[in-house]
N, C-alpha and C. Protein backbone atom coordinates (compact mmCIF):
# COMPACT_ATOMS: atom_id res chain seq x y z
N MET A 1 6.71 -22.11 7.50
CA MET A 1 7.73 -21.74 8.47
C MET A 1 7.12 -20.90 9.57
N ILE A 2 7.53 -21.14 10.78
CA ILE A 2 7.05 -20.30 11.86
C ILE A 2 7.90 -19.03 11.89
N GLU A 3 7.40 -18.01 12.59
CA GLU A 3 8.01 -16.69 12.56
C GLU A 3 9.47 -16.67 12.98
N ASN A 4 9.84 -17.42 14.01
CA ASN A 4 11.22 -17.40 14.49
C ASN A 4 12.20 -17.92 13.45
N SER A 5 11.91 -19.06 12.86
CA SER A 5 12.83 -19.60 11.87
C SER A 5 12.83 -18.74 10.61
N LEU A 6 11.69 -18.17 10.29
CA LEU A 6 11.59 -17.27 9.14
C LEU A 6 12.43 -16.01 9.38
N ALA A 7 12.33 -15.44 10.57
CA ALA A 7 13.14 -14.26 10.92
C ALA A 7 14.63 -14.59 10.84
N ASN A 8 15.00 -15.77 11.29
CA ASN A 8 16.41 -16.18 11.21
C ASN A 8 16.87 -16.27 9.75
N GLU A 9 16.05 -16.84 8.88
CA GLU A 9 16.39 -16.92 7.46
C GLU A 9 16.58 -15.53 6.86
N ILE A 10 15.70 -14.61 7.21
CA ILE A 10 15.78 -13.24 6.70
C ILE A 10 17.06 -12.57 7.21
N MET A 11 17.39 -12.77 8.49
CA MET A 11 18.60 -12.17 9.05
C MET A 11 19.86 -12.72 8.38
N VAL A 12 19.87 -14.01 8.08
CA VAL A 12 21.02 -14.59 7.38
C VAL A 12 21.14 -13.96 5.99
N ALA A 13 20.01 -13.81 5.29
CA ALA A 13 20.04 -13.19 3.97
C ALA A 13 20.53 -11.74 4.05
N ALA A 14 20.07 -11.00 5.04
CA ALA A 14 20.50 -9.60 5.21
C ALA A 14 22.00 -9.55 5.51
N ASN A 15 22.48 -10.45 6.33
CA ASN A 15 23.92 -10.49 6.63
C ASN A 15 24.74 -10.83 5.39
N GLU A 16 24.22 -11.68 4.52
CA GLU A 16 24.91 -11.99 3.27
C GLU A 16 25.03 -10.75 2.40
N VAL A 17 23.95 -9.98 2.32
CA VAL A 17 23.97 -8.73 1.55
C VAL A 17 24.99 -7.77 2.14
N HIS A 18 24.95 -7.61 3.45
CA HIS A 18 25.85 -6.67 4.12
C HIS A 18 27.30 -7.10 3.99
N SER A 19 27.56 -8.39 4.04
CA SER A 19 28.96 -8.85 3.95
C SER A 19 29.54 -8.59 2.56
N VAL A 20 28.69 -8.56 1.54
CA VAL A 20 29.16 -8.28 0.18
C VAL A 20 29.27 -6.77 -0.05
N LEU A 21 28.24 -6.01 0.34
CA LEU A 21 28.21 -4.58 0.02
C LEU A 21 28.83 -3.69 1.09
N GLY A 22 28.66 -4.09 2.37
CA GLY A 22 29.10 -3.21 3.45
C GLY A 22 28.24 -1.96 3.50
N PRO A 23 28.58 -0.99 4.34
CA PRO A 23 27.81 0.24 4.42
C PRO A 23 28.13 1.18 3.26
N GLY A 24 27.25 2.16 3.03
CA GLY A 24 27.56 3.20 2.06
C GLY A 24 26.65 3.30 0.86
N PHE A 25 25.72 2.36 0.69
CA PHE A 25 24.81 2.43 -0.44
C PHE A 25 23.45 2.97 0.02
N SER A 26 22.55 3.22 -0.91
CA SER A 26 21.20 3.71 -0.57
C SER A 26 20.30 2.55 -0.16
N ASP A 27 19.19 2.92 0.52
CA ASP A 27 18.20 1.92 0.93
C ASP A 27 17.79 1.03 -0.24
N SER A 28 17.54 1.66 -1.39
CA SER A 28 16.99 0.91 -2.52
C SER A 28 17.96 -0.15 -3.03
N ILE A 29 19.26 0.10 -2.96
CA ILE A 29 20.24 -0.91 -3.40
C ILE A 29 20.18 -2.12 -2.48
N TYR A 30 20.16 -1.86 -1.17
CA TYR A 30 20.08 -2.97 -0.21
C TYR A 30 18.76 -3.72 -0.37
N GLU A 31 17.69 -3.00 -0.65
CA GLU A 31 16.38 -3.64 -0.81
C GLU A 31 16.38 -4.59 -2.01
N ILE A 32 16.96 -4.13 -3.11
CA ILE A 32 17.03 -4.98 -4.31
C ILE A 32 17.86 -6.23 -4.04
N CYS A 33 19.00 -6.04 -3.40
CA CYS A 33 19.88 -7.18 -3.10
C CYS A 33 19.23 -8.15 -2.11
N LEU A 34 18.52 -7.61 -1.12
CA LEU A 34 17.83 -8.48 -0.17
C LEU A 34 16.72 -9.26 -0.87
N ALA A 35 16.03 -8.63 -1.81
CA ALA A 35 14.99 -9.33 -2.58
C ALA A 35 15.59 -10.52 -3.33
N ILE A 36 16.77 -10.33 -3.90
CA ILE A 36 17.45 -11.42 -4.62
C ILE A 36 17.78 -12.56 -3.65
N LYS A 37 18.31 -12.20 -2.48
CA LYS A 37 18.68 -13.23 -1.50
C LYS A 37 17.46 -13.98 -0.98
N LEU A 38 16.35 -13.26 -0.77
CA LEU A 38 15.12 -13.92 -0.30
C LEU A 38 14.57 -14.85 -1.38
N THR A 39 14.66 -14.42 -2.63
CA THR A 39 14.22 -15.26 -3.75
C THR A 39 15.08 -16.52 -3.84
N ASN A 40 16.39 -16.36 -3.67
CA ASN A 40 17.30 -17.51 -3.69
C ASN A 40 16.98 -18.52 -2.59
N ARG A 41 16.39 -18.03 -1.50
CA ARG A 41 16.02 -18.90 -0.38
C ARG A 41 14.59 -19.43 -0.53
N HIS A 42 13.97 -19.14 -1.67
CA HIS A 42 12.62 -19.61 -1.99
C HIS A 42 11.58 -19.10 -0.99
N LEU A 43 11.77 -17.88 -0.52
CA LEU A 43 10.80 -17.26 0.38
C LEU A 43 9.84 -16.40 -0.43
N CYS A 44 8.56 -16.49 -0.13
CA CYS A 44 7.56 -15.66 -0.79
C CYS A 44 7.50 -14.31 -0.08
N PHE A 45 7.46 -13.23 -0.85
CA PHE A 45 7.41 -11.91 -0.25
C PHE A 45 6.77 -10.91 -1.21
N GLU A 46 6.31 -9.83 -0.63
CA GLU A 46 5.83 -8.69 -1.40
C GLU A 46 6.73 -7.52 -1.07
N ARG A 47 7.09 -6.73 -2.08
CA ARG A 47 7.91 -5.54 -1.89
C ARG A 47 7.06 -4.29 -2.03
N GLN A 48 7.38 -3.29 -1.23
CA GLN A 48 6.70 -1.99 -1.30
C GLN A 48 5.18 -2.15 -1.24
N LYS A 49 4.73 -2.96 -0.30
CA LYS A 49 3.30 -3.22 -0.12
C LYS A 49 2.64 -2.03 0.57
N SER A 50 1.65 -1.45 -0.06
CA SER A 50 0.90 -0.33 0.53
C SER A 50 0.00 -0.82 1.64
N MET A 51 -0.06 -0.04 2.69
CA MET A 51 -0.91 -0.39 3.84
C MET A 51 -2.28 0.25 3.67
N SER A 52 -3.28 -0.39 4.21
CA SER A 52 -4.60 0.22 4.26
C SER A 52 -5.13 0.10 5.68
N VAL A 53 -5.98 1.03 6.04
CA VAL A 53 -6.55 1.03 7.38
C VAL A 53 -8.04 1.37 7.25
N ALA A 54 -8.83 0.71 8.06
CA ALA A 54 -10.27 0.99 8.05
C ALA A 54 -10.55 2.17 8.96
N VAL A 55 -11.17 3.19 8.37
CA VAL A 55 -11.60 4.36 9.14
C VAL A 55 -13.12 4.37 9.03
N GLY A 56 -13.77 3.95 10.11
CA GLY A 56 -15.21 3.79 10.04
C GLY A 56 -15.52 2.65 9.10
N GLN A 57 -16.35 2.93 8.11
CA GLN A 57 -16.73 1.88 7.15
C GLN A 57 -15.89 1.91 5.88
N TYR A 58 -14.91 2.80 5.82
CA TYR A 58 -14.08 2.94 4.62
C TYR A 58 -12.67 2.43 4.87
N ALA A 59 -12.15 1.72 3.90
CA ALA A 59 -10.75 1.29 3.96
C ALA A 59 -9.96 2.22 3.05
N GLU A 60 -8.97 2.86 3.60
CA GLU A 60 -8.17 3.81 2.85
C GLU A 60 -6.73 3.33 2.76
N LEU A 61 -6.12 3.54 1.59
CA LEU A 61 -4.69 3.27 1.47
C LEU A 61 -3.93 4.37 2.18
N MET A 62 -2.92 3.99 2.90
CA MET A 62 -2.10 4.96 3.61
C MET A 62 -0.81 5.17 2.82
N PRO A 63 -0.15 6.32 3.03
CA PRO A 63 1.12 6.52 2.33
C PRO A 63 2.26 5.70 2.94
N LEU A 64 1.92 4.81 3.84
CA LEU A 64 2.90 3.96 4.51
C LEU A 64 3.04 2.66 3.72
N LYS A 65 4.28 2.31 3.41
CA LYS A 65 4.52 1.08 2.66
C LYS A 65 5.49 0.21 3.42
N LEU A 66 5.29 -1.09 3.28
CA LEU A 66 6.21 -2.06 3.84
C LEU A 66 7.29 -2.33 2.81
N ASP A 67 8.55 -2.30 3.22
CA ASP A 67 9.61 -2.66 2.28
C ASP A 67 9.42 -4.11 1.84
N PHE A 68 9.19 -4.99 2.84
CA PHE A 68 8.93 -6.41 2.56
C PHE A 68 7.88 -6.94 3.53
N LEU A 69 7.01 -7.77 3.01
CA LEU A 69 6.16 -8.62 3.83
C LEU A 69 6.50 -10.04 3.40
N VAL A 70 7.18 -10.78 4.28
CA VAL A 70 7.71 -12.09 3.93
C VAL A 70 6.77 -13.18 4.45
N GLU A 71 6.34 -14.03 3.53
CA GLU A 71 5.45 -15.16 3.85
C GLU A 71 4.19 -14.71 4.61
N ASN A 72 3.79 -13.47 4.44
CA ASN A 72 2.64 -12.89 5.15
C ASN A 72 2.78 -13.00 6.66
N LYS A 73 4.02 -13.10 7.15
CA LYS A 73 4.24 -13.28 8.58
C LYS A 73 5.24 -12.31 9.19
N VAL A 74 6.22 -11.87 8.42
CA VAL A 74 7.29 -11.03 8.96
C VAL A 74 7.42 -9.76 8.11
N ILE A 75 7.42 -8.62 8.79
CA ILE A 75 7.63 -7.33 8.14
C ILE A 75 9.13 -7.03 8.18
N VAL A 76 9.65 -6.51 7.08
CA VAL A 76 11.06 -6.13 7.03
C VAL A 76 11.15 -4.69 6.53
N LYS A 77 11.88 -3.87 7.28
CA LYS A 77 12.14 -2.48 6.90
C LYS A 77 13.63 -2.34 6.67
N VAL A 78 14.01 -1.76 5.53
CA VAL A 78 15.41 -1.57 5.16
C VAL A 78 15.75 -0.10 5.24
N LYS A 79 16.80 0.21 5.97
CA LYS A 79 17.30 1.58 6.10
C LYS A 79 18.78 1.61 5.81
N ALA A 80 19.27 2.78 5.42
CA ALA A 80 20.70 3.04 5.28
C ALA A 80 20.90 4.48 5.77
N VAL A 81 20.85 4.62 7.09
CA VAL A 81 20.91 5.94 7.71
C VAL A 81 22.06 6.01 8.71
N GLU A 82 22.41 7.24 9.11
CA GLU A 82 23.50 7.41 10.07
C GLU A 82 23.20 6.71 11.38
N GLU A 83 21.96 6.84 11.85
CA GLU A 83 21.54 6.11 13.04
C GLU A 83 20.04 5.90 13.00
N LEU A 84 19.59 4.80 13.59
CA LEU A 84 18.16 4.54 13.70
C LEU A 84 17.57 5.45 14.76
N LEU A 85 16.41 5.99 14.47
CA LEU A 85 15.71 6.87 15.39
C LEU A 85 14.51 6.16 15.97
N PRO A 86 14.00 6.63 17.11
CA PRO A 86 12.80 6.01 17.69
C PRO A 86 11.62 5.96 16.71
N VAL A 87 11.51 6.93 15.82
CA VAL A 87 10.40 6.95 14.87
C VAL A 87 10.45 5.74 13.94
N HIS A 88 11.64 5.24 13.64
CA HIS A 88 11.74 4.06 12.78
C HIS A 88 11.12 2.84 13.46
N THR A 89 11.38 2.69 14.76
CA THR A 89 10.78 1.59 15.51
C THR A 89 9.28 1.76 15.64
N LEU A 90 8.83 2.99 15.92
CA LEU A 90 7.39 3.24 16.05
C LEU A 90 6.66 2.97 14.75
N GLU A 91 7.27 3.31 13.64
CA GLU A 91 6.65 3.03 12.34
C GLU A 91 6.48 1.53 12.14
N LEU A 92 7.47 0.79 12.56
CA LEU A 92 7.41 -0.67 12.43
C LEU A 92 6.32 -1.26 13.32
N ILE A 93 6.18 -0.74 14.53
CA ILE A 93 5.14 -1.21 15.44
C ILE A 93 3.76 -0.89 14.88
N THR A 94 3.61 0.28 14.26
CA THR A 94 2.35 0.64 13.61
C THR A 94 2.03 -0.35 12.49
N CYS A 95 3.03 -0.69 11.71
CA CYS A 95 2.83 -1.67 10.63
C CYS A 95 2.41 -3.03 11.20
N GLN A 96 3.00 -3.40 12.33
CA GLN A 96 2.61 -4.66 12.97
C GLN A 96 1.14 -4.63 13.35
N LYS A 97 0.69 -3.52 13.91
CA LYS A 97 -0.71 -3.41 14.32
C LYS A 97 -1.63 -3.52 13.11
N LEU A 98 -1.25 -2.89 12.01
CA LEU A 98 -2.09 -2.89 10.82
C LEU A 98 -2.14 -4.26 10.14
N THR A 99 -1.04 -4.99 10.19
CA THR A 99 -0.97 -6.29 9.50
C THR A 99 -1.24 -7.47 10.42
N ARG A 100 -1.16 -7.21 11.74
CA ARG A 100 -1.27 -8.26 12.75
C ARG A 100 -0.12 -9.27 12.66
N CYS A 101 0.99 -8.84 12.08
CA CYS A 101 2.19 -9.68 12.05
C CYS A 101 2.86 -9.63 13.42
N LYS A 102 3.29 -10.76 13.89
CA LYS A 102 3.91 -10.84 15.22
C LYS A 102 5.35 -10.36 15.21
N VAL A 103 6.05 -10.53 14.09
CA VAL A 103 7.48 -10.23 14.04
C VAL A 103 7.77 -9.20 12.96
N ALA A 104 8.64 -8.25 13.32
CA ALA A 104 9.10 -7.24 12.36
C ALA A 104 10.60 -7.05 12.56
N LEU A 105 11.31 -6.89 11.45
CA LEU A 105 12.75 -6.69 11.48
C LEU A 105 13.10 -5.35 10.85
N LEU A 106 14.02 -4.65 11.47
CA LEU A 106 14.51 -3.37 10.97
C LEU A 106 16.01 -3.49 10.80
N PHE A 107 16.48 -3.27 9.57
CA PHE A 107 17.91 -3.35 9.29
C PHE A 107 18.44 -1.98 8.88
N ASN A 108 19.49 -1.52 9.55
CA ASN A 108 20.22 -0.33 9.12
C ASN A 108 21.53 -0.82 8.51
N PHE A 109 21.58 -0.84 7.19
CA PHE A 109 22.75 -1.35 6.49
C PHE A 109 23.93 -0.39 6.52
N ASN A 110 23.74 0.79 7.10
CA ASN A 110 24.82 1.77 7.14
C ASN A 110 25.71 1.59 8.36
N GLU A 111 25.64 0.46 9.01
CA GLU A 111 26.49 0.13 10.16
C GLU A 111 27.66 -0.73 9.70
N PRO A 112 28.83 -0.56 10.31
CA PRO A 112 29.96 -1.43 9.96
C PRO A 112 29.67 -2.91 10.25
N VAL A 113 28.91 -3.18 11.31
CA VAL A 113 28.47 -4.53 11.65
C VAL A 113 26.94 -4.51 11.66
N LEU A 114 26.32 -5.28 10.78
CA LEU A 114 24.87 -5.23 10.62
C LEU A 114 24.13 -5.53 11.92
N GLN A 115 24.67 -6.41 12.73
CA GLN A 115 24.02 -6.76 14.00
C GLN A 115 23.77 -5.52 14.85
N ASN A 116 24.67 -4.55 14.79
CA ASN A 116 24.50 -3.31 15.56
C ASN A 116 23.37 -2.44 15.01
N GLY A 117 22.97 -2.68 13.79
CA GLY A 117 21.89 -1.91 13.18
C GLY A 117 20.64 -2.73 12.96
N THR A 118 20.48 -3.81 13.69
CA THR A 118 19.32 -4.68 13.53
C THR A 118 18.43 -4.61 14.76
N LYS A 119 17.14 -4.43 14.52
CA LYS A 119 16.15 -4.48 15.60
C LYS A 119 15.09 -5.50 15.22
N CYS A 120 14.67 -6.25 16.22
CA CYS A 120 13.59 -7.21 16.04
C CYS A 120 12.47 -6.81 16.99
N ILE A 121 11.28 -6.62 16.44
CA ILE A 121 10.11 -6.25 17.23
C ILE A 121 9.17 -7.45 17.23
N VAL A 122 8.83 -7.92 18.42
CA VAL A 122 7.92 -9.06 18.56
C VAL A 122 6.70 -8.59 19.32
N ASN A 123 5.54 -8.71 18.68
CA ASN A 123 4.27 -8.29 19.29
C ASN A 123 4.34 -6.88 19.85
N GLY A 124 4.98 -5.97 19.12
CA GLY A 124 5.02 -4.57 19.52
C GLY A 124 6.11 -4.22 20.52
N TYR A 125 6.94 -5.18 20.90
CA TYR A 125 8.02 -4.93 21.86
C TYR A 125 9.35 -5.25 21.23
N ARG A 126 10.33 -4.39 21.49
CA ARG A 126 11.66 -4.60 20.94
C ARG A 126 12.30 -5.82 21.60
N TRP A 127 12.69 -6.78 20.77
CA TRP A 127 13.32 -8.00 21.26
C TRP A 127 14.82 -7.81 21.36
N PHE A 128 15.41 -7.28 20.30
CA PHE A 128 16.83 -6.91 20.31
C PHE A 128 17.06 -5.84 19.29
């Protein structure tokens, strides 16, 4: 799957989770439910993937983790916060640089309408 259609599949799965649960749960609950929906869609993903960065000749694990890396192409970050802050987007852009993934999705499930809490970052730039 190319990144655009993959991102669309992930957004549909996230919307399914949000339509059932609505706002009010913790990040981890939404993450578990999204993992189930991605599995049902037969998408390959890694959860809580630790990042590493090369500093000189050494590769070090960073305390930064990806909530999801889907098909090794799309990064997904799950939040359940009052509002998304610029730091959330910057963290996602940093993850894109480290993984060289072109597309990253940020979902804030604490919104009454998930679309209002969704950001898509393409090549380091906010798409929506």
